[in-house]
């Protein structure tokens, strides 16, 4: 029995069977429609039921495996912003906290391919990637899973480290 080559044909067929069709060829400028298809395909690949991907306002999201991933389409820049939640502050963060997370990023702590992003309007700290060109669907899914996994690690390990640095630097100096 012959088997199909591992060229992504199975993923392509899976998305067609799901009624989504491929987003678009990789490397071309992203459009709202292709962004929507990417998000739909990824959400479906995570076991969620068929989703519109992005709503009429250009927002979408997924909670899976203890991580929360948000999508936002930016019409003015024709870009898809993908943000994995690290932590949501109850109150605005104390001075130095966001700078502490940015220092972790600058020091080379793995960000899952994203960048540290604090959103004051919802007091959320995220690891964010932005796409302006269509990535391959398999690559996009792999990058989103990595971003989600890394956000969970930042929530447990990096959050404690930053809090120690900002609120108890004298303890770090003793070591």
Protein backbone atom coordinates (compact mmCIF):
# COMPACT_ATOMS: atom_id res chain seq x y z
CA UNK A 1 0.00 0.00 0.00
CA UNK A 2 1.43 3.36 -0.97
CA UNK A 3 1.46 6.21 1.50
CA UNK A 4 1.20 9.88 0.80
CA UNK A 5 4.42 11.86 1.09
CA UNK A 6 4.79 13.94 4.25
CA UNK A 7 4.47 17.23 2.43
CA UNK A 8 1.55 18.61 4.35
CA UNK A 9 -0.94 16.82 2.10
CA UNK A 10 -2.68 15.27 5.10
CA UNK A 11 -3.14 18.69 6.73
CA UNK A 12 -4.34 20.17 3.47
CA UNK A 13 -6.85 17.37 3.01
CA UNK A 14 -7.95 17.67 6.64
CA UNK A 15 -8.69 21.37 6.21
CA UNK A 16 -10.55 20.75 2.95
CA UNK A 17 -12.58 17.95 4.55
CA UNK A 18 -13.44 20.29 7.41
CA UNK A 19 -14.83 22.66 4.79
CA UNK A 20 -12.27 25.33 5.45
CA UNK A 21 -9.97 25.05 2.48
CA UNK A 22 -6.39 26.29 2.66
CA UNK A 23 -5.84 29.86 3.82
CA UNK A 24 -3.72 30.93 0.85
CA UNK A 25 -0.25 30.28 -0.51
CA UNK A 26 2.47 31.12 2.00
CA UNK A 27 4.44 34.32 1.59
CA UNK A 28 1.78 36.56 0.08
CA UNK A 29 0.38 39.59 1.93
CA UNK A 30 -2.21 38.66 4.52
CA UNK A 31 -5.83 39.68 4.02
CA UNK A 32 -8.66 39.54 6.51
CA UNK A 33 -10.07 36.50 4.71
CA UNK A 34 -6.79 34.58 4.79
CA UNK A 35 -6.26 35.56 8.44
CA UNK A 36 -9.74 34.27 9.22
CA UNK A 37 -9.00 30.98 7.48
CA UNK A 38 -5.72 30.58 9.37
CA UNK A 39 -7.44 31.15 12.70
CA UNK A 40 -10.34 28.84 11.79
CA UNK A 41 -7.95 26.09 10.72
CA UNK A 42 -5.85 26.41 13.87
CA UNK A 43 -8.86 26.43 16.21
CA UNK A 44 -10.22 23.35 14.45
CA UNK A 45 -6.85 21.60 14.65
CA UNK A 46 -6.95 22.08 18.43
CA UNK A 47 -10.15 20.04 18.59
CA UNK A 48 -12.57 22.91 18.89
CA UNK A 49 -15.73 22.85 16.79
CA UNK A 50 -15.90 24.83 13.59
CA UNK A 51 -15.42 28.47 14.50
CA UNK A 52 -15.84 31.71 12.60
CA UNK A 53 -12.20 32.36 13.54
CA UNK A 54 -12.54 36.11 13.73
CA UNK A 55 -15.77 37.87 14.55
CA UNK A 56 -17.14 40.90 12.68
CA UNK A 57 -14.91 43.20 14.75
CA UNK A 58 -11.80 41.13 13.88
CA UNK A 59 -11.38 39.34 17.23
CA UNK A 60 -11.13 35.65 18.02
CA UNK A 61 -9.73 33.39 20.68
CA UNK A 62 -9.09 29.94 22.03
CA UNK A 63 -8.58 28.48 25.49
CA UNK A 64 -6.77 25.13 25.41
CA UNK A 65 -4.34 23.25 27.60
CA UNK A 66 -4.36 25.90 30.30
CA UNK A 67 -3.46 28.67 27.86
CA UNK A 68 -5.48 31.48 26.37
CA UNK A 69 -4.75 32.70 22.85
CA UNK A 70 -6.30 35.80 21.34
CA UNK A 71 -6.40 36.93 17.72
CA UNK A 72 -6.94 40.44 16.45
CA UNK A 73 -7.10 41.58 12.83
CA UNK A 74 -5.69 45.07 12.24
CA UNK A 75 -7.28 46.44 9.08
CA UNK A 76 -5.05 49.54 8.87
CA UNK A 77 -1.82 47.48 8.80
CA UNK A 78 -3.31 44.32 7.24
CA UNK A 79 -1.81 42.24 10.05
CA UNK A 80 -2.95 39.47 12.37
CA UNK A 81 -1.89 39.88 15.99
CA UNK A 82 -1.74 36.63 17.97
CA UNK A 83 -1.37 37.03 21.75
CA UNK A 84 -0.96 34.32 24.39
CA UNK A 85 -1.96 35.49 27.85
CA UNK A 86 0.78 35.31 30.48
CA UNK A 87 -0.98 37.10 33.32
CA UNK A 88 -3.95 39.39 33.89
CA UNK A 89 -3.36 41.96 36.63
CA UNK A 90 -6.25 42.81 38.97
CA UNK A 91 -4.89 46.33 39.37
CA UNK A 92 -2.45 48.27 37.20
CA UNK A 93 0.99 46.70 37.72
CA UNK A 94 3.39 48.29 40.20
CA UNK A 95 6.25 50.36 38.77
CA UNK A 96 9.02 48.18 37.42
CA UNK A 97 6.94 45.06 36.82
CA UNK A 98 6.46 45.46 33.05
CA UNK A 99 10.09 46.58 32.72
CA UNK A 100 11.03 43.39 34.57
CA UNK A 101 9.26 41.26 31.96
CA UNK A 102 10.85 43.27 29.15
CA UNK A 103 14.26 42.71 30.78
CA UNK A 104 13.61 38.95 30.74
CA UNK A 105 12.92 39.15 27.01
CA UNK A 106 16.05 41.26 26.39
CA UNK A 107 18.16 38.83 28.44
CA UNK A 108 17.15 36.01 26.12
CA UNK A 109 14.41 34.22 28.04
CA UNK A 110 12.48 32.15 25.49
CA UNK A 111 9.38 34.07 24.38
CA UNK A 112 8.01 31.36 22.12
CA UNK A 113 8.77 33.54 19.12
CA UNK A 114 6.72 36.40 20.49
CA UNK A 115 7.45 39.69 22.18
CA UNK A 116 6.38 40.95 25.60
CA UNK A 117 3.22 43.00 25.23
CA UNK A 118 1.30 44.74 28.02
CA UNK A 119 -2.22 45.92 27.18
CA UNK A 120 -3.31 48.59 29.73
CA UNK A 121 -6.98 48.52 28.67
CA UNK A 122 -7.42 44.95 29.94
CA UNK A 123 -4.34 44.81 32.22
CA UNK A 124 -3.10 41.75 30.35
CA UNK A 125 0.49 40.71 29.85
CA UNK A 126 0.96 38.72 26.66
CA UNK A 127 3.52 37.12 24.42
CA UNK A 128 2.55 38.41 20.97
CA UNK A 129 3.39 37.54 17.37
CA UNK A 130 2.16 39.55 14.40
CA UNK A 131 1.79 38.26 10.87
CA UNK A 132 1.65 40.49 7.79
CA UNK A 133 2.31 37.67 5.31
CA UNK A 134 0.55 34.33 5.06
CA UNK A 135 2.51 31.60 6.86
CA UNK A 136 2.08 27.94 5.95
CA UNK A 137 -0.81 26.55 7.98
CA UNK A 138 1.34 23.88 9.65
CA UNK A 139 3.97 26.48 10.55
CA UNK A 140 1.29 28.80 11.94
CA UNK A 141 -0.17 26.01 14.08
CA UNK A 142 3.27 25.02 15.35
CA UNK A 143 4.09 28.65 16.21
CA UNK A 144 0.76 29.16 18.00
CA UNK A 145 1.26 26.00 20.06
CA UNK A 146 4.76 27.14 20.98
CA UNK A 147 3.47 30.59 21.96
CA UNK A 148 0.79 29.02 24.17
CA UNK A 149 3.23 26.62 25.81
CA UNK A 150 5.71 29.42 26.49
CA UNK A 151 3.01 31.68 27.95
CA UNK A 152 2.22 28.97 30.51
CA UNK A 153 5.90 28.77 31.42
CA UNK A 154 6.09 32.56 31.78
CA UNK A 155 3.04 32.43 34.04
CA UNK A 156 4.70 29.97 36.41
CA UNK A 157 8.46 30.50 36.23
CA UNK A 158 9.12 33.95 34.81
CA UNK A 159 6.34 35.64 36.78
CA UNK A 160 7.90 34.49 40.07
CA UNK A 161 11.36 35.54 38.95
CA UNK A 162 10.21 39.02 37.92
CA UNK A 163 8.26 39.47 41.16
CA UNK A 164 11.37 38.52 43.16
CA UNK A 165 13.51 40.91 41.14
CA UNK A 166 11.11 43.83 41.47
CA UNK A 167 9.78 43.38 44.99
CA UNK A 168 12.64 41.58 46.78
CA UNK A 169 15.93 42.46 45.05
CA UNK A 170 17.79 42.19 48.35
CA UNK A 171 17.09 38.43 48.44
CA UNK A 172 18.59 37.98 44.98
CA UNK A 173 21.73 39.87 46.06
CA UNK A 174 22.28 37.41 48.94
CA UNK A 175 22.60 34.47 46.55
